């Protein structure tokens, strides 16, 4: 996610809500790759642990399916700084499909 003024806090760091949106969005292709049609899913829960800040670089998020049941999919994701590679946040998500 490119760093932009509209997703920055006054303190000069990327807003946690923007990072949460990135995490929620990044796992959708992973779920789709597991055979689920992306338009047929709902986020049940999302837990995010913020471990650092992103200030002067873009954010990169990778998402994975960690377990898939018949109608529930468990996922995880990690957000890093595009240049530094520092971990900014990690998330665990559950989707109903």
C-alpha atoms as a PDB file:
ATOM      1  CA  UNK A   1       0.000   0.000   0.000  1.00  0.00           C
ATOM      2  CA  UNK A   2       1.586   3.268  -1.042  1.00  0.00           C
ATOM      3  CA  UNK A   3       2.143   5.781   1.707  1.00  0.00           C
ATOM      4  CA  UNK A   4      -0.191   8.756   1.186  1.00  0.00           C
ATOM      5  CA  UNK A   5      -1.053  11.818   3.299  1.00  0.00           C
ATOM      6  CA  UNK A   6      -4.697  10.755   3.733  1.00  0.00           C
ATOM      7  CA  UNK A   7      -3.738   7.542   5.592  1.00  0.00           C
ATOM      8  CA  UNK A   8      -1.203   9.182   7.909  1.00  0.00           C
ATOM      9  CA  UNK A   9      -1.734  10.160  11.536  1.00  0.00           C
ATOM     10  CA  UNK A  10      -0.739  13.684  12.605  1.00  0.00           C
ATOM     11  CA  UNK A  11       2.340  12.094  14.232  1.00  0.00           C
ATOM     12  CA  UNK A  12       3.610  11.151  10.760  1.00  0.00           C
ATOM     13  CA  UNK A  13       2.945   7.411  10.869  1.00  0.00           C
ATOM     14  CA  UNK A  14       0.514   5.258   8.901  1.00  0.00           C
ATOM     15  CA  UNK A  15      -2.895   4.968  10.581  1.00  0.00           C
ATOM     16  CA  UNK A  16      -3.713   1.622  12.202  1.00  0.00           C
ATOM     17  CA  UNK A  17      -7.102   1.529  10.482  1.00  0.00           C
ATOM     18  CA  UNK A  18      -5.429   1.693   7.075  1.00  0.00           C
ATOM     19  CA  UNK A  19      -3.151  -1.177   8.091  1.00  0.00           C
ATOM     20  CA  UNK A  20      -6.178  -3.173   9.285  1.00  0.00           C
ATOM     21  CA  UNK A  21      -7.894  -2.619   5.940  1.00  0.00           C
ATOM     22  CA  UNK A  22      -4.760  -3.763   4.144  1.00  0.00           C
ATOM     23  CA  UNK A  23      -4.636  -6.955   6.218  1.00  0.00           C
ATOM     24  CA  UNK A  24      -8.326  -7.722   5.646  1.00  0.00           C
ATOM     25  CA  UNK A  25      -7.897  -7.187   1.904  1.00  0.00           C
ATOM     26  CA  UNK A  26      -4.626  -9.108   1.517  1.00  0.00           C
ATOM     27  CA  UNK A  27      -5.977 -12.459   2.673  1.00  0.00           C
ATOM     28  CA  UNK A  28      -8.842 -12.465   0.127  1.00  0.00           C
ATOM     29  CA  UNK A  29      -6.639 -13.641  -2.779  1.00  0.00           C
ATOM     30  CA  UNK A  30      -5.205 -16.360  -0.537  1.00  0.00           C
ATOM     31  CA  UNK A  31      -8.722 -17.564   0.244  1.00  0.00           C
ATOM     32  CA  UNK A  32      -9.607 -17.404  -3.450  1.00  0.00           C
ATOM     33  CA  UNK A  33      -6.522 -19.465  -4.302  1.00  0.00           C
ATOM     34  CA  UNK A  34      -7.802 -22.160  -1.935  1.00  0.00           C
ATOM     35  CA  UNK A  35     -10.858 -22.607  -4.164  1.00  0.00           C
ATOM     36  CA  UNK A  36     -13.348 -20.188  -2.586  1.00  0.00           C
ATOM     37  CA  UNK A  37     -15.130 -17.684  -4.812  1.00  0.00           C
ATOM     38  CA  UNK A  38     -13.986 -14.293  -3.390  1.00  0.00           C
ATOM     39  CA  UNK A  39     -17.475 -12.736  -3.537  1.00  0.00           C
ATOM     40  CA  UNK A  40     -18.883 -15.355  -1.178  1.00  0.00           C
ATOM     41  CA  UNK A  41     -17.132 -14.666   2.135  1.00  0.00           C
ATOM     42  CA  UNK A  42     -17.610 -12.617   5.284  1.00  0.00           C
ATOM     43  CA  UNK A  43     -15.031 -11.643   7.908  1.00  0.00           C
ATOM     44  CA  UNK A  44     -16.044 -13.189  11.241  1.00  0.00           C
ATOM     45  CA  UNK A  45     -13.126 -11.959  13.318  1.00  0.00           C
ATOM     46  CA  UNK A  46      -9.885 -10.083  12.910  1.00  0.00           C
ATOM     47  CA  UNK A  47      -7.182  -9.632  15.532  1.00  0.00           C
ATOM     48  CA  UNK A  48      -4.233  -7.360  14.816  1.00  0.00           C
ATOM     49  CA  UNK A  49      -1.067  -6.947  16.820  1.00  0.00           C
ATOM     50  CA  UNK A  50       0.759  -3.725  16.002  1.00  0.00           C
ATOM     51  CA  UNK A  51       4.497  -4.151  16.562  1.00  0.00           C
ATOM     52  CA  UNK A  52       5.969  -1.070  14.946  1.00  0.00           C
ATOM     53  CA  UNK A  53       5.178   1.971  12.863  1.00  0.00           C
ATOM     54  CA  UNK A  54       5.409   2.746   9.173  1.00  0.00           C
ATOM     55  CA  UNK A  55       6.497   6.318   8.581  1.00  0.00           C
ATOM     56  CA  UNK A  56       8.461   6.977   5.407  1.00  0.00           C
ATOM     57  CA  UNK A  57       7.819   3.924   3.256  1.00  0.00           C
ATOM     58  CA  UNK A  58       5.070   1.905   1.623  1.00  0.00           C
ATOM     59  CA  UNK A  59       3.486  -1.051   3.427  1.00  0.00           C
ATOM     60  CA  UNK A  60       3.595  -4.614   2.111  1.00  0.00           C
ATOM     61  CA  UNK A  61       1.210  -7.301   3.333  1.00  0.00           C
ATOM     62  CA  UNK A  62       1.334 -11.045   2.786  1.00  0.00           C
ATOM     63  CA  UNK A  63      -1.646 -13.228   3.676  1.00  0.00           C
ATOM     64  CA  UNK A  64      -1.999 -16.994   4.085  1.00  0.00           C
ATOM     65  CA  UNK A  65      -4.728 -19.530   4.665  1.00  0.00           C
ATOM     66  CA  UNK A  66      -3.672 -21.463   7.752  1.00  0.00           C
ATOM     67  CA  UNK A  67      -6.624 -23.839   7.854  1.00  0.00           C
ATOM     68  CA  UNK A  68      -9.723 -24.337   5.768  1.00  0.00           C
ATOM     69  CA  UNK A  69     -12.854 -26.128   6.846  1.00  0.00           C
ATOM     70  CA  UNK A  70     -16.107 -26.652   4.983  1.00  0.00           C
ATOM     71  CA  UNK A  71     -17.435 -23.157   5.692  1.00  0.00           C
ATOM     72  CA  UNK A  72     -14.791 -21.487   7.901  1.00  0.00           C
ATOM     73  CA  UNK A  73     -11.347 -20.341   6.759  1.00  0.00           C
ATOM     74  CA  UNK A  74      -8.565 -19.324   9.160  1.00  0.00           C
ATOM     75  CA  UNK A  75      -5.943 -16.902   7.869  1.00  0.00           C
ATOM     76  CA  UNK A  76      -2.889 -14.965   8.979  1.00  0.00           C
ATOM     77  CA  UNK A  77      -1.129 -11.943   7.590  1.00  0.00           C
ATOM     78  CA  UNK A  78       1.984  -9.876   8.154  1.00  0.00           C
ATOM     79  CA  UNK A  79       2.634  -6.246   7.257  1.00  0.00           C
ATOM     80  CA  UNK A  80       6.190  -5.030   6.704  1.00  0.00           C
ATOM     81  CA  UNK A  81       7.838  -1.839   5.539  1.00  0.00           C
ATOM     82  CA  UNK A  82       8.538  -2.047   1.806  1.00  0.00           C
ATOM     83  CA  UNK A  83      12.124  -0.788   2.138  1.00  0.00           C
ATOM     84  CA  UNK A  84      13.116  -1.754   5.664  1.00  0.00           C
ATOM     85  CA  UNK A  85      11.398  -5.147   5.833  1.00  0.00           C
ATOM     86  CA  UNK A  86      10.553  -4.404   9.485  1.00  0.00           C
ATOM     87  CA  UNK A  87       7.415  -6.106  10.746  1.00  0.00           C
ATOM     88  CA  UNK A  88       4.770  -3.506  11.552  1.00  0.00           C
ATOM     89  CA  UNK A  89       1.723  -5.687  12.259  1.00  0.00           C
ATOM     90  CA  UNK A  90       0.493  -9.267  12.255  1.00  0.00           C
ATOM     91  CA  UNK A  91      -3.095 -10.395  11.994  1.00  0.00           C
ATOM     92  CA  UNK A  92      -5.215 -13.480  12.404  1.00  0.00           C
ATOM     93  CA  UNK A  93      -8.545 -13.590  10.642  1.00  0.00           C
ATOM     94  CA  UNK A  94     -11.517 -15.946  10.384  1.00  0.00           C
ATOM     95  CA  UNK A  95     -13.884 -15.921   7.415  1.00  0.00           C
ATOM     96  CA  UNK A  96     -17.238 -17.564   6.779  1.00  0.00           C
ATOM     97  CA  UNK A  97     -17.443 -18.858   3.205  1.00  0.00           C
END
